[in-house]
Amino acid sequence: MNAAGATGAGDVAAGINRIEGYLLLHREQDIARERARRFTGRLDWLTSAQRAEVERLYVQDQLTATERNLRQVARRCDELRGEYQETYRALRRRLLVACLLGGGAALLLVLAVTAPALAAR
């Protein structure tokens, strides 16, 4: 794949993420509105204006809580990604060292076995 193809794939993924975010936001708004209606439905003494204001504040509060929770989840995902990447890098370094040491040991073994035969010539 060329660089333009990689950029195109990244753009597509970013676009899909934006669409998912948009749909998630609207779903959360719908859920918050429904909860607000159920809540104010039990308060039959509210006037229409009071009911609308309570529903508006309830939705606003719910969306603020949802945003805070999503930001916390995203932050934790970033932390975990960093931890996993560091662990992966450490494992790769250890594997490289093991391969180099193993290859060096094998080379020494070959030299030890063949050195007497070469010296006898």
N, C-alpha and C. Protein backbone atom coordinates (compact mmCIF):
# COMPACT_ATOMS: atom_id res chain seq x y z
N MET A 1 0.85 -1.18 0.00
CA MET A 1 0.00 0.00 0.00
C MET A 1 0.89 1.23 0.00
N ASN A 2 0.53 2.22 -0.78
CA ASN A 2 1.34 3.44 -0.83
C ASN A 2 0.90 4.42 0.25
N ALA A 3 1.64 5.52 0.37
CA ALA A 3 1.36 6.49 1.43
C ALA A 3 -0.02 7.12 1.23
N ALA A 4 -0.42 7.34 0.00
CA ALA A 4 -1.74 7.93 -0.24
C ALA A 4 -2.85 6.99 0.21
N GLY A 5 -2.65 5.69 -0.03
CA GLY A 5 -3.64 4.70 0.41
C GLY A 5 -3.73 4.64 1.91
N ALA A 6 -2.59 4.75 2.59
CA ALA A 6 -2.59 4.71 4.06
C ALA A 6 -3.30 5.94 4.61
N THR A 7 -3.06 7.09 4.00
CA THR A 7 -3.73 8.31 4.45
C THR A 7 -5.22 8.20 4.20
N GLY A 8 -5.60 7.65 3.06
CA GLY A 8 -7.02 7.47 2.76
C GLY A 8 -7.70 6.58 3.77
N ALA A 9 -7.03 5.49 4.17
CA ALA A 9 -7.60 4.59 5.16
C ALA A 9 -7.73 5.29 6.51
N GLY A 10 -6.75 6.13 6.85
CA GLY A 10 -6.82 6.89 8.10
C GLY A 10 -7.97 7.88 8.07
N ASP A 11 -8.18 8.50 6.91
CA ASP A 11 -9.29 9.45 6.76
C ASP A 11 -10.63 8.74 6.90
N VAL A 12 -10.72 7.55 6.32
CA VAL A 12 -11.96 6.78 6.42
C VAL A 12 -12.24 6.41 7.87
N ALA A 13 -11.19 5.94 8.57
CA ALA A 13 -11.35 5.56 9.98
C ALA A 13 -11.76 6.77 10.82
N ALA A 14 -11.14 7.92 10.55
CA ALA A 14 -11.49 9.14 11.29
C ALA A 14 -12.94 9.54 10.99
N GLY A 15 -13.34 9.40 9.75
CA GLY A 15 -14.73 9.73 9.39
C GLY A 15 -15.72 8.80 10.07
N ILE A 16 -15.38 7.53 10.12
CA ILE A 16 -16.26 6.56 10.80
C ILE A 16 -16.34 6.89 12.29
N ASN A 17 -15.20 7.26 12.89
CA ASN A 17 -15.21 7.64 14.30
C ASN A 17 -16.09 8.86 14.55
N ARG A 18 -16.04 9.83 13.65
CA ARG A 18 -16.89 11.02 13.80
C ARG A 18 -18.38 10.65 13.70
N ILE A 19 -18.70 9.78 12.75
CA ILE A 19 -20.09 9.35 12.59
C ILE A 19 -20.56 8.60 13.84
N GLU A 20 -19.71 7.70 14.34
CA GLU A 20 -20.06 6.97 15.56
C GLU A 20 -20.26 7.92 16.73
N GLY A 21 -19.39 8.92 16.84
CA GLY A 21 -19.53 9.91 17.91
C GLY A 21 -20.82 10.69 17.79
N TYR A 22 -21.16 11.07 16.58
CA TYR A 22 -22.40 11.80 16.32
C TYR A 22 -23.61 10.96 16.72
N LEU A 23 -23.61 9.70 16.29
CA LEU A 23 -24.72 8.81 16.62
C LEU A 23 -24.80 8.54 18.11
N LEU A 24 -23.66 8.37 18.76
CA LEU A 24 -23.63 8.16 20.20
C LEU A 24 -24.19 9.36 20.94
N LEU A 25 -23.78 10.55 20.52
CA LEU A 25 -24.28 11.77 21.16
C LEU A 25 -25.80 11.88 21.04
N HIS A 26 -26.31 11.63 19.85
CA HIS A 26 -27.76 11.75 19.66
C HIS A 26 -28.51 10.66 20.42
N ARG A 27 -27.95 9.49 20.51
CA ARG A 27 -28.58 8.41 21.29
C ARG A 27 -28.61 8.80 22.76
N GLU A 28 -27.51 9.34 23.27
CA GLU A 28 -27.47 9.77 24.67
C GLU A 28 -28.46 10.91 24.92
N GLN A 29 -28.60 11.81 23.97
CA GLN A 29 -29.58 12.90 24.12
C GLN A 29 -31.00 12.34 24.18
N ASP A 30 -31.29 11.37 23.31
CA ASP A 30 -32.62 10.76 23.32
C ASP A 30 -32.90 10.06 24.65
N ILE A 31 -31.90 9.33 25.16
CA ILE A 31 -32.06 8.62 26.43
C ILE A 31 -32.27 9.63 27.56
N ALA A 32 -31.49 10.70 27.56
CA ALA A 32 -31.62 11.72 28.61
C ALA A 32 -32.98 12.39 28.55
N ARG A 33 -33.47 12.68 27.35
CA ARG A 33 -34.79 13.30 27.22
C ARG A 33 -35.89 12.38 27.75
N GLU A 34 -35.77 11.09 27.42
CA GLU A 34 -36.77 10.13 27.89
C GLU A 34 -36.74 10.02 29.42
N ARG A 35 -35.56 9.97 29.99
CA ARG A 35 -35.45 9.92 31.46
C ARG A 35 -36.04 11.18 32.08
N ALA A 36 -35.76 12.31 31.46
CA ALA A 36 -36.30 13.58 31.99
C ALA A 36 -37.82 13.58 31.93
N ARG A 37 -38.39 13.10 30.84
CA ARG A 37 -39.86 13.05 30.72
C ARG A 37 -40.46 12.12 31.77
N ARG A 38 -39.81 10.96 31.98
CA ARG A 38 -40.31 10.04 33.01
C ARG A 38 -40.22 10.68 34.40
N PHE A 39 -39.13 11.38 34.64
CA PHE A 39 -38.94 12.02 35.95
C PHE A 39 -40.00 13.10 36.18
N THR A 40 -40.16 14.00 35.21
CA THR A 40 -41.12 15.08 35.40
C THR A 40 -42.56 14.57 35.31
N GLY A 41 -42.76 13.42 34.69
CA GLY A 41 -44.11 12.85 34.64
C GLY A 41 -44.63 12.49 36.02
N ARG A 42 -43.75 12.22 36.95
CA ARG A 42 -44.16 11.90 38.33
C ARG A 42 -44.42 13.14 39.15
N LEU A 43 -44.05 14.29 38.62
CA LEU A 43 -44.22 15.55 39.35
C LEU A 43 -45.40 16.32 38.73
N ASP A 44 -46.60 15.84 39.00
CA ASP A 44 -47.79 16.40 38.35
C ASP A 44 -48.12 17.82 38.79
N TRP A 45 -47.49 18.31 39.81
CA TRP A 45 -47.75 19.66 40.29
C TRP A 45 -46.96 20.72 39.55
N LEU A 46 -46.03 20.32 38.67
CA LEU A 46 -45.26 21.30 37.90
C LEU A 46 -46.10 21.94 36.81
N THR A 47 -45.86 23.23 36.59
CA THR A 47 -46.49 23.89 35.45
C THR A 47 -45.75 23.44 34.19
N SER A 48 -46.30 23.76 33.04
CA SER A 48 -45.65 23.39 31.78
C SER A 48 -44.27 24.02 31.66
N ALA A 49 -44.15 25.28 32.04
CA ALA A 49 -42.86 25.98 31.97
C ALA A 49 -41.86 25.34 32.94
N GLN A 50 -42.33 25.02 34.15
CA GLN A 50 -41.44 24.39 35.13
C GLN A 50 -41.01 23.00 34.64
N ARG A 51 -41.94 22.28 34.09
CA ARG A 51 -41.65 20.94 33.57
C ARG A 51 -40.59 21.02 32.47
N ALA A 52 -40.73 21.96 31.57
CA ALA A 52 -39.77 22.13 30.47
C ALA A 52 -38.40 22.51 31.02
N GLU A 53 -38.36 23.37 32.03
CA GLU A 53 -37.08 23.78 32.61
C GLU A 53 -36.40 22.63 33.36
N VAL A 54 -37.18 21.86 34.11
CA VAL A 54 -36.62 20.71 34.82
C VAL A 54 -36.10 19.70 33.81
N GLU A 55 -36.84 19.45 32.76
CA GLU A 55 -36.39 18.51 31.73
C GLU A 55 -35.11 18.99 31.06
N ARG A 56 -35.04 20.29 30.76
CA ARG A 56 -33.85 20.85 30.13
C ARG A 56 -32.63 20.69 31.05
N LEU A 57 -32.80 21.01 32.33
CA LEU A 57 -31.69 20.88 33.28
C LEU A 57 -31.28 19.42 33.48
N TYR A 58 -32.27 18.55 33.51
CA TYR A 58 -31.99 17.12 33.68
C TYR A 58 -31.17 16.60 32.50
N VAL A 59 -31.59 16.95 31.28
CA VAL A 59 -30.88 16.52 30.08
C VAL A 59 -29.46 17.08 30.09
N GLN A 60 -29.33 18.35 30.42
CA GLN A 60 -28.01 18.97 30.48
C GLN A 60 -27.11 18.25 31.48
N ASP A 61 -27.65 17.93 32.65
CA ASP A 61 -26.88 17.23 33.67
C ASP A 61 -26.47 15.84 33.21
N GLN A 62 -27.39 15.13 32.58
CA GLN A 62 -27.10 13.79 32.09
C GLN A 62 -26.02 13.81 31.01
N LEU A 63 -26.10 14.76 30.10
CA LEU A 63 -25.11 14.85 29.03
C LEU A 63 -23.73 15.24 29.58
N THR A 64 -23.72 16.09 30.59
CA THR A 64 -22.45 16.45 31.22
C THR A 64 -21.82 15.23 31.89
N ALA A 65 -22.64 14.45 32.59
CA ALA A 65 -22.14 13.23 33.24
C ALA A 65 -21.64 12.23 32.20
N THR A 66 -22.37 12.08 31.11
CA THR A 66 -21.97 11.16 30.05
C THR A 66 -20.64 11.59 29.44
N GLU A 67 -20.51 12.87 29.17
CA GLU A 67 -19.26 13.39 28.60
C GLU A 67 -18.09 13.15 29.55
N ARG A 68 -18.29 13.41 30.82
CA ARG A 68 -17.24 13.19 31.82
C ARG A 68 -16.83 11.71 31.85
N ASN A 69 -17.81 10.83 31.85
CA ASN A 69 -17.53 9.39 31.87
C ASN A 69 -16.78 8.95 30.62
N LEU A 70 -17.20 9.43 29.46
CA LEU A 70 -16.54 9.05 28.22
C LEU A 70 -15.10 9.56 28.18
N ARG A 71 -14.88 10.77 28.69
CA ARG A 71 -13.51 11.31 28.74
C ARG A 71 -12.63 10.47 29.67
N GLN A 72 -13.19 10.02 30.79
CA GLN A 72 -12.43 9.17 31.70
C GLN A 72 -12.09 7.84 31.04
N VAL A 73 -13.04 7.26 30.33
CA VAL A 73 -12.79 6.00 29.63
C VAL A 73 -11.73 6.20 28.56
N ALA A 74 -11.83 7.27 27.80
CA ALA A 74 -10.84 7.54 26.74
C ALA A 74 -9.45 7.76 27.34
N ARG A 75 -9.39 8.48 28.45
CA ARG A 75 -8.09 8.71 29.09
C ARG A 75 -7.48 7.38 29.57
N ARG A 76 -8.32 6.53 30.16
CA ARG A 76 -7.82 5.22 30.63
C ARG A 76 -7.38 4.36 29.45
N CYS A 77 -8.10 4.43 28.34
CA CYS A 77 -7.69 3.69 27.13
C CYS A 77 -6.33 4.15 26.66
N ASP A 78 -6.10 5.47 26.67
CA ASP A 78 -4.80 5.99 26.28
C ASP A 78 -3.71 5.52 27.23
N GLU A 79 -4.00 5.50 28.53
CA GLU A 79 -3.02 5.03 29.51
C GLU A 79 -2.68 3.56 29.26
N LEU A 80 -3.71 2.75 29.05
CA LEU A 80 -3.48 1.32 28.80
C LEU A 80 -2.71 1.10 27.50
N ARG A 81 -3.04 1.87 26.47
CA ARG A 81 -2.32 1.75 25.20
C ARG A 81 -0.84 2.03 25.42
N GLY A 82 -0.52 3.07 26.18
CA GLY A 82 0.87 3.39 26.47
C GLY A 82 1.56 2.29 27.26
N GLU A 83 0.85 1.75 28.25
CA GLU A 83 1.42 0.66 29.05
C GLU A 83 1.69 -0.57 28.18
N TYR A 84 0.74 -0.93 27.35
CA TYR A 84 0.90 -2.10 26.50
C TYR A 84 2.01 -1.88 25.47
N GLN A 85 2.10 -0.68 24.92
CA GLN A 85 3.16 -0.41 23.96
C GLN A 85 4.53 -0.51 24.62
N GLU A 86 4.66 -0.01 25.84
CA GLU A 86 5.94 -0.10 26.55
C GLU A 86 6.28 -1.55 26.85
N THR A 87 5.30 -2.32 27.27
CA THR A 87 5.53 -3.75 27.54
C THR A 87 5.96 -4.46 26.26
N TYR A 88 5.31 -4.15 25.16
CA TYR A 88 5.65 -4.75 23.87
C TYR A 88 7.07 -4.40 23.46
N ARG A 89 7.46 -3.12 23.64
CA ARG A 89 8.82 -2.71 23.30
C ARG A 89 9.84 -3.45 24.16
N ALA A 90 9.54 -3.58 25.45
CA ALA A 90 10.46 -4.29 26.36
C ALA A 90 10.60 -5.76 25.94
N LEU A 91 9.51 -6.39 25.58
CA LEU A 91 9.56 -7.79 25.14
C LEU A 91 10.35 -7.93 23.84
N ARG A 92 10.17 -6.99 22.94
CA ARG A 92 10.93 -7.03 21.69
C ARG A 92 12.43 -6.88 21.96
N ARG A 93 12.80 -5.96 22.87
CA ARG A 93 14.21 -5.80 23.21
C ARG A 93 14.77 -7.08 23.81
N ARG A 94 14.01 -7.70 24.73
CA ARG A 94 14.47 -8.94 25.35
C ARG A 94 14.62 -10.05 24.32
N LEU A 95 13.70 -10.14 23.39
CA LEU A 95 13.80 -11.16 22.34
C LEU A 95 15.01 -10.91 21.45
N LEU A 96 15.25 -9.66 21.11
CA LEU A 96 16.41 -9.32 20.29
C LEU A 96 17.70 -9.69 21.01
N VAL A 97 17.79 -9.35 22.28
CA VAL A 97 18.99 -9.69 23.06
C VAL A 97 19.15 -11.21 23.13
N ALA A 98 18.06 -11.92 23.36
CA ALA A 98 18.14 -13.38 23.43
C ALA A 98 18.60 -13.97 22.10
N CYS A 99 18.08 -13.43 21.01
CA CYS A 99 18.49 -13.93 19.68
C CYS A 99 19.96 -13.63 19.42
N LEU A 100 20.40 -12.43 19.78
CA LEU A 100 21.80 -12.08 19.57
C LEU A 100 22.72 -12.94 20.42
N LEU A 101 22.33 -13.14 21.68
CA LEU A 101 23.14 -13.99 22.56
C LEU A 101 23.13 -15.43 22.08
N GLY A 102 21.97 -15.90 21.66
CA GLY A 102 21.86 -17.27 21.14
C GLY A 102 22.68 -17.45 19.88
N GLY A 103 22.62 -16.46 18.98
CA GLY A 103 23.40 -16.52 17.75
C GLY A 103 24.88 -16.46 18.04
N GLY A 104 25.26 -15.62 18.99
CA GLY A 104 26.68 -15.53 19.37
C GLY A 104 27.16 -16.83 19.98
N ALA A 105 26.34 -17.43 20.82
CA ALA A 105 26.71 -18.71 21.44
C ALA A 105 26.84 -19.79 20.38
N ALA A 106 25.95 -19.80 19.42
CA ALA A 106 26.02 -20.79 18.34
C ALA A 106 27.28 -20.59 17.51
N LEU A 107 27.62 -19.34 17.25
CA LEU A 107 28.84 -19.05 16.49
C LEU A 107 30.07 -19.53 17.25
N LEU A 108 30.11 -19.28 18.55
CA LEU A 108 31.23 -19.75 19.37
C LEU A 108 31.31 -21.27 19.37
N LEU A 109 30.20 -21.93 19.42
CA LEU A 109 30.18 -23.39 19.40
C LEU A 109 30.72 -23.92 18.07
N VAL A 110 30.28 -23.31 16.97
CA VAL A 110 30.78 -23.73 15.65
C VAL A 110 32.28 -23.51 15.57
N LEU A 111 32.75 -22.36 16.06
CA LEU A 111 34.19 -22.08 16.03
C LEU A 111 34.96 -23.07 16.90
N ALA A 112 34.40 -23.39 18.06
CA ALA A 112 35.08 -24.33 18.96
C ALA A 112 35.18 -25.70 18.33
N VAL A 113 34.15 -26.12 17.61
CA VAL A 113 34.17 -27.45 16.98
C VAL A 113 35.08 -27.46 15.76
N THR A 114 35.05 -26.40 14.98
CA THR A 114 35.82 -26.39 13.72
C THR A 114 37.24 -25.89 13.89
N ALA A 115 37.54 -25.17 14.97
CA ALA A 115 38.89 -24.61 15.16
C ALA A 115 39.98 -25.68 15.20
N PRO A 116 39.79 -26.77 15.92
CA PRO A 116 40.85 -27.79 15.91
C PRO A 116 41.07 -28.38 14.52
N ALA A 117 40.01 -28.56 13.76
CA ALA A 117 40.15 -29.12 12.42
C ALA A 117 40.87 -28.13 11.52
N LEU A 118 40.58 -26.86 11.66
CA LEU A 118 41.24 -25.84 10.85
C LEU A 118 42.71 -25.70 11.26
N ALA A 119 42.98 -25.82 12.55
CA ALA A 119 44.36 -25.68 13.04
C ALA A 119 45.21 -26.86 12.60
N ALA A 120 44.61 -28.01 12.41
CA ALA A 120 45.35 -29.21 12.03
C ALA A 120 45.79 -29.15 10.57
N ARG A 121 45.23 -28.33 9.78
CA ARG A 121 45.60 -28.25 8.36
C ARG A 121 46.93 -27.72 8.14
